[in-house]
């Protein structure tokens, strides 16, 4: 696959948009996990919300924490892309 064709020219060179990267079933499962997330896992930041699974946000640092299985699965899928 020619990943260069998926590069987003107006963004930093490490960003790509790959349509249909996730299978429909993976997308559905991921969205269901996001929607089922308890409110205590959400943090309101300036102009956005953060689902806090991988650490504790502080103004100058993110303290590490163990992430949930669905997010480890997504990370594993993304990590095999040969960029």
PDB file of N, CA and C in Angstrom:
ATOM      1  N   UNK A   1       0.844  -1.181   0.000  1.00  0.00           N
ATOM      2  CA  UNK A   1       0.000   0.000   0.000  1.00  0.00           C
ATOM      3  C   UNK A   1       0.891   1.246   0.000  1.00  0.00           C
ATOM      4  N   UNK A   2       0.527   2.216  -0.792  1.00  0.00           N
ATOM      5  CA  UNK A   2       1.277   3.471  -0.879  1.00  0.00           C
ATOM      6  C   UNK A   2       0.733   4.455   0.156  1.00  0.00           C
ATOM      7  N   UNK A   3       1.350   4.464   1.344  1.00  0.00           N
ATOM      8  CA  UNK A   3       0.871   5.318   2.427  1.00  0.00           C
ATOM      9  C   UNK A   3       1.080   6.798   2.143  1.00  0.00           C
ATOM     10  N   UNK A   4       2.032   7.131   1.314  1.00  0.00           N
ATOM     11  CA  UNK A   4       2.272   8.538   0.983  1.00  0.00           C
ATOM     12  C   UNK A   4       1.056   9.192   0.359  1.00  0.00           C
ATOM     13  N   UNK A   5       0.240   8.423  -0.320  1.00  0.00           N
ATOM     14  CA  UNK A   5      -0.960   8.989  -0.933  1.00  0.00           C
ATOM     15  C   UNK A   5      -2.000   9.393   0.116  1.00  0.00           C
ATOM     16  N   UNK A   6      -1.811   8.949   1.360  1.00  0.00           N
ATOM     17  CA  UNK A   6      -2.736   9.285   2.441  1.00  0.00           C
ATOM     18  C   UNK A   6      -2.233  10.433   3.322  1.00  0.00           C
ATOM     19  N   UNK A   7      -1.084  10.985   2.993  1.00  0.00           N
ATOM     20  CA  UNK A   7      -0.526  12.085   3.787  1.00  0.00           C
ATOM     21  C   UNK A   7      -1.430  13.310   3.668  1.00  0.00           C
ATOM     22  N   UNK A   8      -1.592  14.035   4.781  1.00  0.00           N
ATOM     23  CA  UNK A   8      -2.402  15.258   4.796  1.00  0.00           C
ATOM     24  C   UNK A   8      -1.433  16.429   4.648  1.00  0.00           C
ATOM     25  N   UNK A   9      -1.424  17.040   3.472  1.00  0.00           N
ATOM     26  CA  UNK A   9      -0.429  18.071   3.148  1.00  0.00           C
ATOM     27  C   UNK A   9      -0.480  19.298   4.039  1.00  0.00           C
ATOM     28  N   UNK A  10      -1.639  19.625   4.552  1.00  0.00           N
ATOM     29  CA  UNK A  10      -1.763  20.845   5.352  1.00  0.00           C
ATOM     30  C   UNK A  10      -1.426  20.641   6.830  1.00  0.00           C
ATOM     31  N   UNK A  11      -1.025  19.427   7.193  1.00  0.00           N
ATOM     32  CA  UNK A  11      -0.695  19.099   8.578  1.00  0.00           C
ATOM     33  C   UNK A  11       0.742  18.598   8.668  1.00  0.00           C
ATOM     34  N   UNK A  12       1.258  18.396   9.876  1.00  0.00           N
ATOM     35  CA  UNK A  12       2.626  17.866  10.000  1.00  0.00           C
ATOM     36  C   UNK A  12       2.810  16.584   9.187  1.00  0.00           C
ATOM     37  N   UNK A  13       4.007  16.326   8.708  1.00  0.00           N
ATOM     38  CA  UNK A  13       4.242  15.202   7.781  1.00  0.00           C
ATOM     39  C   UNK A  13       4.008  13.808   8.365  1.00  0.00           C
ATOM     40  N   UNK A  14       3.794  13.709   9.654  1.00  0.00           N
ATOM     41  CA  UNK A  14       3.540  12.397  10.256  1.00  0.00           C
ATOM     42  C   UNK A  14       2.056  12.065  10.337  1.00  0.00           C
ATOM     43  N   UNK A  15       1.188  12.957   9.838  1.00  0.00           N
ATOM     44  CA  UNK A  15      -0.251  12.705   9.892  1.00  0.00           C
ATOM     45  C   UNK A  15      -0.765  12.196   8.550  1.00  0.00           C
ATOM     46  N   UNK A  16      -1.565  11.152   8.646  1.00  0.00           N
ATOM     47  CA  UNK A  16      -2.160  10.529   7.470  1.00  0.00           C
ATOM     48  C   UNK A  16      -3.650  10.349   7.728  1.00  0.00           C
ATOM     49  N   UNK A  17      -4.439  10.373   6.674  1.00  0.00           N
ATOM     50  CA  UNK A  17      -5.851  10.011   6.769  1.00  0.00           C
ATOM     51  C   UNK A  17      -6.052   8.807   5.864  1.00  0.00           C
ATOM     52  N   UNK A  18      -6.410   7.686   6.464  1.00  0.00           N
ATOM     53  CA  UNK A  18      -6.613   6.454   5.714  1.00  0.00           C
ATOM     54  C   UNK A  18      -8.080   6.055   5.856  1.00  0.00           C
ATOM     55  N   UNK A  19      -8.893   6.339   4.827  1.00  0.00           N
ATOM     56  CA  UNK A  19     -10.307   5.981   4.902  1.00  0.00           C
ATOM     57  C   UNK A  19     -10.474   4.469   5.102  1.00  0.00           C
ATOM     58  N   UNK A  20     -11.472   4.093   5.874  1.00  0.00           N
ATOM     59  CA  UNK A  20     -11.790   2.685   6.128  1.00  0.00           C
ATOM     60  C   UNK A  20     -10.621   1.928   6.764  1.00  0.00           C
ATOM     61  N   UNK A  21      -9.787   2.623   7.554  1.00  0.00           N
ATOM     62  CA  UNK A  21      -8.652   1.976   8.220  1.00  0.00           C
ATOM     63  C   UNK A  21      -9.130   0.878   9.168  1.00  0.00           C
ATOM     64  N   UNK A  22     -10.206   1.164   9.897  1.00  0.00           N
ATOM     65  CA  UNK A  22     -10.799   0.160  10.774  1.00  0.00           C
ATOM     66  C   UNK A  22     -11.921  -0.556  10.028  1.00  0.00           C
ATOM     67  N   UNK A  23     -12.068  -1.823  10.304  1.00  0.00           N
ATOM     68  CA  UNK A  23     -13.210  -2.572   9.758  1.00  0.00           C
ATOM     69  C   UNK A  23     -14.479  -2.025  10.414  1.00  0.00           C
ATOM     70  N   UNK A  24     -15.623  -2.119   9.742  1.00  0.00           N
ATOM     71  CA  UNK A  24     -16.865  -1.623  10.343  1.00  0.00           C
ATOM     72  C   UNK A  24     -17.131  -2.185  11.742  1.00  0.00           C
ATOM     73  N   UNK A  25     -16.841  -3.454  11.953  1.00  0.00           N
ATOM     74  CA  UNK A  25     -17.066  -4.052  13.280  1.00  0.00           C
ATOM     75  C   UNK A  25     -16.132  -3.447  14.330  1.00  0.00           C
ATOM     76  N   UNK A  26     -14.880  -3.149  13.950  1.00  0.00           N
ATOM     77  CA  UNK A  26     -13.940  -2.511  14.874  1.00  0.00           C
ATOM     78  C   UNK A  26     -14.394  -1.096  15.216  1.00  0.00           C
ATOM     79  N   UNK A  27     -14.862  -0.382  14.197  1.00  0.00           N
ATOM     80  CA  UNK A  27     -15.353   0.977  14.411  1.00  0.00           C
ATOM     81  C   UNK A  27     -16.554   0.973  15.356  1.00  0.00           C
ATOM     82  N   UNK A  28     -17.492   0.064  15.130  1.00  0.00           N
ATOM     83  CA  UNK A  28     -18.673  -0.036  15.981  1.00  0.00           C
ATOM     84  C   UNK A  28     -18.282  -0.334  17.416  1.00  0.00           C
ATOM     85  N   UNK A  29     -17.386  -1.276  17.593  1.00  0.00           N
ATOM     86  CA  UNK A  29     -16.956  -1.661  18.946  1.00  0.00           C
ATOM     87  C   UNK A  29     -16.262  -0.498  19.651  1.00  0.00           C
ATOM     88  N   UNK A  30     -15.412   0.205  18.947  1.00  0.00           N
ATOM     89  CA  UNK A  30     -14.704   1.340  19.531  1.00  0.00           C
ATOM     90  C   UNK A  30     -15.690   2.436  19.946  1.00  0.00           C
ATOM     91  N   UNK A  31     -16.629   2.769  19.060  1.00  0.00           N
ATOM     92  CA  UNK A  31     -17.618   3.800  19.389  1.00  0.00           C
ATOM     93  C   UNK A  31     -18.494   3.387  20.565  1.00  0.00           C
ATOM     94  N   UNK A  32     -18.857   2.116  20.640  1.00  0.00           N
ATOM     95  CA  UNK A  32     -19.641   1.630  21.780  1.00  0.00           C
ATOM     96  C   UNK A  32     -18.866   1.772  23.078  1.00  0.00           C
ATOM     97  N   UNK A  33     -17.586   1.470  23.046  1.00  0.00           N
ATOM     98  CA  UNK A  33     -16.750   1.619  24.244  1.00  0.00           C
ATOM     99  C   UNK A  33     -16.658   3.081  24.666  1.00  0.00           C
ATOM    100  N   UNK A  34     -16.517   3.967  23.710  1.00  0.00           N
ATOM    101  CA  UNK A  34     -16.446   5.396  24.022  1.00  0.00           C
ATOM    102  C   UNK A  34     -17.760   5.870  24.638  1.00  0.00           C
ATOM    103  N   UNK A  35     -18.879   5.459  24.056  1.00  0.00           N
ATOM    104  CA  UNK A  35     -20.192   5.891  24.541  1.00  0.00           C
ATOM    105  C   UNK A  35     -20.537   5.314  25.909  1.00  0.00           C
ATOM    106  N   UNK A  36     -20.025   4.127  26.234  1.00  0.00           N
ATOM    107  CA  UNK A  36     -20.292   3.490  27.527  1.00  0.00           C
ATOM    108  C   UNK A  36     -19.375   3.994  28.638  1.00  0.00           C
ATOM    109  N   UNK A  37     -18.427   4.808  28.300  1.00  0.00           N
ATOM    110  CA  UNK A  37     -17.446   5.262  29.286  1.00  0.00           C
ATOM    111  C   UNK A  37     -18.113   6.043  30.412  1.00  0.00           C
ATOM    112  N   UNK A  38     -17.829   5.695  31.656  1.00  0.00           N
ATOM    113  CA  UNK A  38     -18.405   6.431  32.784  1.00  0.00           C
ATOM    114  C   UNK A  38     -17.958   7.897  32.777  1.00  0.00           C
ATOM    115  N   UNK A  39     -18.841   8.767  33.258  1.00  0.00           N
ATOM    116  CA  UNK A  39     -18.539  10.199  33.269  1.00  0.00           C
ATOM    117  C   UNK A  39     -17.273  10.527  34.046  1.00  0.00           C
ATOM    118  N   UNK A  40     -16.929   9.710  35.042  1.00  0.00           N
ATOM    119  CA  UNK A  40     -15.728  10.000  35.834  1.00  0.00           C
ATOM    120  C   UNK A  40     -14.445   9.851  35.021  1.00  0.00           C
ATOM    121  N   UNK A  41     -14.522   9.176  33.871  1.00  0.00           N
ATOM    122  CA  UNK A  41     -13.341   9.015  33.020  1.00  0.00           C
ATOM    123  C   UNK A  41     -13.120  10.199  32.087  1.00  0.00           C
ATOM    124  N   UNK A  42     -14.080  11.136  32.044  1.00  0.00           N
ATOM    125  CA  UNK A  42     -13.958  12.302  31.174  1.00  0.00           C
ATOM    126  C   UNK A  42     -13.392  13.476  31.958  1.00  0.00           C
ATOM    127  N   UNK A  43     -12.489  14.222  31.318  1.00  0.00           N
ATOM    128  CA  UNK A  43     -11.929  15.440  31.893  1.00  0.00           C
ATOM    129  C   UNK A  43     -12.215  16.572  30.926  1.00  0.00           C
ATOM    130  N   UNK A  44     -12.729  17.680  31.443  1.00  0.00           N
ATOM    131  CA  UNK A  44     -12.987  18.840  30.597  1.00  0.00           C
ATOM    132  C   UNK A  44     -11.726  19.689  30.542  1.00  0.00           C
ATOM    133  N   UNK A  45     -11.190  19.897  29.349  1.00  0.00           N
ATOM    134  CA  UNK A  45     -10.021  20.744  29.139  1.00  0.00           C
ATOM    135  C   UNK A  45     -10.462  21.974  28.360  1.00  0.00           C
ATOM    136  N   UNK A  46      -9.541  22.866  28.115  1.00  0.00           N
ATOM    137  CA  UNK A  46      -9.871  24.055  27.329  1.00  0.00           C
ATOM    138  C   UNK A  46     -10.339  23.641  25.937  1.00  0.00           C
ATOM    139  N   UNK A  47     -11.555  23.938  25.608  1.00  0.00           N
ATOM    140  CA  UNK A  47     -12.134  23.704  24.280  1.00  0.00           C
ATOM    141  C   UNK A  47     -12.283  22.250  23.864  1.00  0.00           C
ATOM    142  N   UNK A  48     -12.145  21.301  24.784  1.00  0.00           N
ATOM    143  CA  UNK A  48     -12.329  19.900  24.397  1.00  0.00           C
ATOM    144  C   UNK A  48     -12.525  19.034  25.628  1.00  0.00           C
ATOM    145  N   UNK A  49     -12.986  17.807  25.388  1.00  0.00           N
ATOM    146  CA  UNK A  49     -13.091  16.820  26.463  1.00  0.00           C
ATOM    147  C   UNK A  49     -12.039  15.740  26.218  1.00  0.00           C
ATOM    148  N   UNK A  50     -11.525  15.196  27.281  1.00  0.00           N
ATOM    149  CA  UNK A  50     -10.515  14.148  27.207  1.00  0.00           C
ATOM    150  C   UNK A  50     -11.043  12.932  27.940  1.00  0.00           C
ATOM    151  N   UNK A  51     -11.020  11.794  27.266  1.00  0.00           N
ATOM    152  CA  UNK A  51     -11.365  10.552  27.942  1.00  0.00           C
ATOM    153  C   UNK A  51     -10.080  10.046  28.571  1.00  0.00           C
ATOM    154  N   UNK A  52     -10.055  10.025  29.859  1.00  0.00           N
ATOM    155  CA  UNK A  52      -8.830   9.795  30.606  1.00  0.00           C
ATOM    156  C   UNK A  52      -8.613   8.321  30.918  1.00  0.00           C
ATOM    157  N   UNK A  53      -7.963   7.598  29.985  1.00  0.00           N
ATOM    158  CA  UNK A  53      -7.659   6.180  30.172  1.00  0.00           C
ATOM    159  C   UNK A  53      -6.163   5.929  30.296  1.00  0.00           C
ATOM    160  N   UNK A  54      -5.361   6.794  29.766  1.00  0.00           N
ATOM    161  CA  UNK A  54      -3.936   6.514  29.701  1.00  0.00           C
ATOM    162  C   UNK A  54      -3.062   7.381  30.583  1.00  0.00           C
ATOM    163  N   UNK A  55      -3.636   8.070  31.533  1.00  0.00           N
ATOM    164  CA  UNK A  55      -2.836   8.893  32.417  1.00  0.00           C
ATOM    165  C   UNK A  55      -3.675   9.983  33.057  1.00  0.00           C
ATOM    166  N   UNK A  56      -3.038  10.728  33.931  1.00  0.00           N
ATOM    167  CA  UNK A  56      -3.712  11.812  34.632  1.00  0.00           C
ATOM    168  C   UNK A  56      -3.170  13.128  34.099  1.00  0.00           C
ATOM    169  N   UNK A  57      -4.027  13.963  33.479  1.00  0.00           N
ATOM    170  CA  UNK A  57      -3.527  15.213  32.904  1.00  0.00           C
ATOM    171  C   UNK A  57      -3.238  16.261  33.969  1.00  0.00           C
ATOM    172  N   UNK A  58      -2.101  16.879  33.832  1.00  0.00           N
ATOM    173  CA  UNK A  58      -1.698  18.023  34.641  1.00  0.00           C
ATOM    174  C   UNK A  58      -1.253  19.099  33.667  1.00  0.00           C
ATOM    175  N   UNK A  59      -1.152  20.345  34.115  1.00  0.00           N
ATOM    176  CA  UNK A  59      -0.817  21.420  33.171  1.00  0.00           C
ATOM    177  C   UNK A  59       0.441  21.192  32.335  1.00  0.00           C
ATOM    178  N   UNK A  60       1.476  20.575  32.892  1.00  0.00           N
ATOM    179  CA  UNK A  60       2.729  20.438  32.147  1.00  0.00           C
ATOM    180  C   UNK A  60       3.168  19.005  31.908  1.00  0.00           C
ATOM    181  N   UNK A  61       2.368  18.036  32.327  1.00  0.00           N
ATOM    182  CA  UNK A  61       2.788  16.642  32.194  1.00  0.00           C
ATOM    183  C   UNK A  61       1.563  15.729  32.220  1.00  0.00           C
ATOM    184  N   UNK A  62       1.704  14.540  31.642  1.00  0.00           N
ATOM    185  CA  UNK A  62       0.662  13.523  31.716  1.00  0.00           C
ATOM    186  C   UNK A  62       1.245  12.360  32.516  1.00  0.00           C
ATOM    187  N   UNK A  63       0.641  12.076  33.663  1.00  0.00           N
ATOM    188  CA  UNK A  63       1.120  10.974  34.492  1.00  0.00           C
ATOM    189  C   UNK A  63       0.620   9.658  33.921  1.00  0.00           C
ATOM    190  N   UNK A  64       1.504   8.724  33.707  1.00  0.00           N
ATOM    191  CA  UNK A  64       1.171   7.446  33.065  1.00  0.00           C
ATOM    192  C   UNK A  64       0.210   6.612  33.906  1.00  0.00           C
ATOM    193  N   UNK A  65      -0.614   5.807  33.222  1.00  0.00           N
ATOM    194  CA  UNK A  65      -1.527   4.872  33.867  1.00  0.00           C
ATOM    195  C   UNK A  65      -1.811   3.740  32.875  1.00  0.00           C
ATOM    196  N   UNK A  66      -2.301   2.628  33.368  1.00  0.00           N
ATOM    197  CA  UNK A  66      -2.641   1.485  32.522  1.00  0.00           C
ATOM    198  C   UNK A  66      -3.903   1.824  31.720  1.00  0.00           C
ATOM    199  N   UNK A  67      -3.898   1.493  30.431  1.00  0.00           N
ATOM    200  CA  UNK A  67      -5.065   1.774  29.584  1.00  0.00           C
ATOM    201  C   UNK A  67      -5.951   0.548  29.453  1.00  0.00           C
ATOM    202  N   UNK A  68      -7.216   0.770  29.103  1.00  0.00           N
ATOM    203  CA  UNK A  68      -8.180  -0.312  28.940  1.00  0.00           C
ATOM    204  C   UNK A  68      -7.866  -1.190  27.743  1.00  0.00           C
ATOM    205  N   UNK A  69      -8.429  -2.387  27.720  1.00  0.00           N
ATOM    206  CA  UNK A  69      -8.160  -3.376  26.673  1.00  0.00           C
ATOM    207  C   UNK A  69      -8.509  -2.867  25.283  1.00  0.00           C
ATOM    208  N   UNK A  70      -9.643  -2.182  25.108  1.00  0.00           N
ATOM    209  CA  UNK A  70     -10.015  -1.713  23.775  1.00  0.00           C
ATOM    210  C   UNK A  70      -8.974  -0.750  23.231  1.00  0.00           C
ATOM    211  N   UNK A  71      -8.402   0.070  24.085  1.00  0.00           N
ATOM    212  CA  UNK A  71      -7.414   1.033  23.621  1.00  0.00           C
ATOM    213  C   UNK A  71      -6.071   0.363  23.350  1.00  0.00           C
ATOM    214  N   UNK A  72      -5.760  -0.692  24.068  1.00  0.00           N
ATOM    215  CA  UNK A  72      -4.555  -1.475  23.749  1.00  0.00           C
ATOM    216  C   UNK A  72      -4.738  -2.151  22.398  1.00  0.00           C
ATOM    217  N   UNK A  73      -5.955  -2.601  22.107  1.00  0.00           N
ATOM    218  CA  UNK A  73      -6.247  -3.235  20.821  1.00  0.00           C
ATOM    219  C   UNK A  73      -6.071  -2.241  19.687  1.00  0.00           C
ATOM    220  N   UNK A  74      -6.624  -1.035  19.832  1.00  0.00           N
ATOM    221  CA  UNK A  74      -6.481  -0.003  18.798  1.00  0.00           C
ATOM    222  C   UNK A  74      -5.012   0.359  18.623  1.00  0.00           C
ATOM    223  N   UNK A  75      -4.291   0.509  19.709  1.00  0.00           N
ATOM    224  CA  UNK A  75      -2.865   0.815  19.630  1.00  0.00           C
ATOM    225  C   UNK A  75      -2.109  -0.285  18.881  1.00  0.00           C
ATOM    226  N   UNK A  76      -2.464  -1.532  19.128  1.00  0.00           N
ATOM    227  CA  UNK A  76      -1.815  -2.650  18.436  1.00  0.00           C
ATOM    228  C   UNK A  76      -2.099  -2.597  16.931  1.00  0.00           C
ATOM    229  N   UNK A  77      -3.330  -2.247  16.558  1.00  0.00           N
ATOM    230  CA  UNK A  77      -3.679  -2.150  15.132  1.00  0.00           C
ATOM    231  C   UNK A  77      -2.864  -1.052  14.464  1.00  0.00           C
ATOM    232  N   UNK A  78      -2.799   0.094  15.088  1.00  0.00           N
ATOM    233  CA  UNK A  78      -2.099   1.247  14.510  1.00  0.00           C
ATOM    234  C   UNK A  78      -0.592   1.007  14.461  1.00  0.00           C
ATOM    235  N   UNK A  79      -0.067   0.308  15.442  1.00  0.00           N
ATOM    236  CA  UNK A  79       1.395   0.134  15.520  1.00  0.00           C
ATOM    237  C   UNK A  79       1.961  -0.733  14.396  1.00  0.00           C
ATOM    238  N   UNK A  80       1.146  -1.509  13.700  1.00  0.00           N
ATOM    239  CA  UNK A  80       1.649  -2.364  12.623  1.00  0.00           C
ATOM    240  C   UNK A  80       1.722  -1.631  11.280  1.00  0.00           C
ATOM    241  N   UNK A  81       1.213  -0.399  11.229  1.00  0.00           N
ATOM    242  CA  UNK A  81       1.299   0.366   9.983  1.00  0.00           C
ATOM    243  C   UNK A  81       2.743   0.792   9.779  1.00  0.00           C
ATOM    244  N   UNK A  82       3.355   0.427   8.657  1.00  0.00           N
ATOM    245  CA  UNK A  82       4.784   0.652   8.444  1.00  0.00           C
ATOM    246  C   UNK A  82       5.135   2.076   7.988  1.00  0.00           C
ATOM    247  N   UNK A  83       5.047   3.039   8.879  1.00  0.00           N
ATOM    248  CA  UNK A  83       5.410   4.415   8.527  1.00  0.00           C
ATOM    249  C   UNK A  83       6.826   4.671   8.960  1.00  0.00           C
TER     250      UNK A  83
END
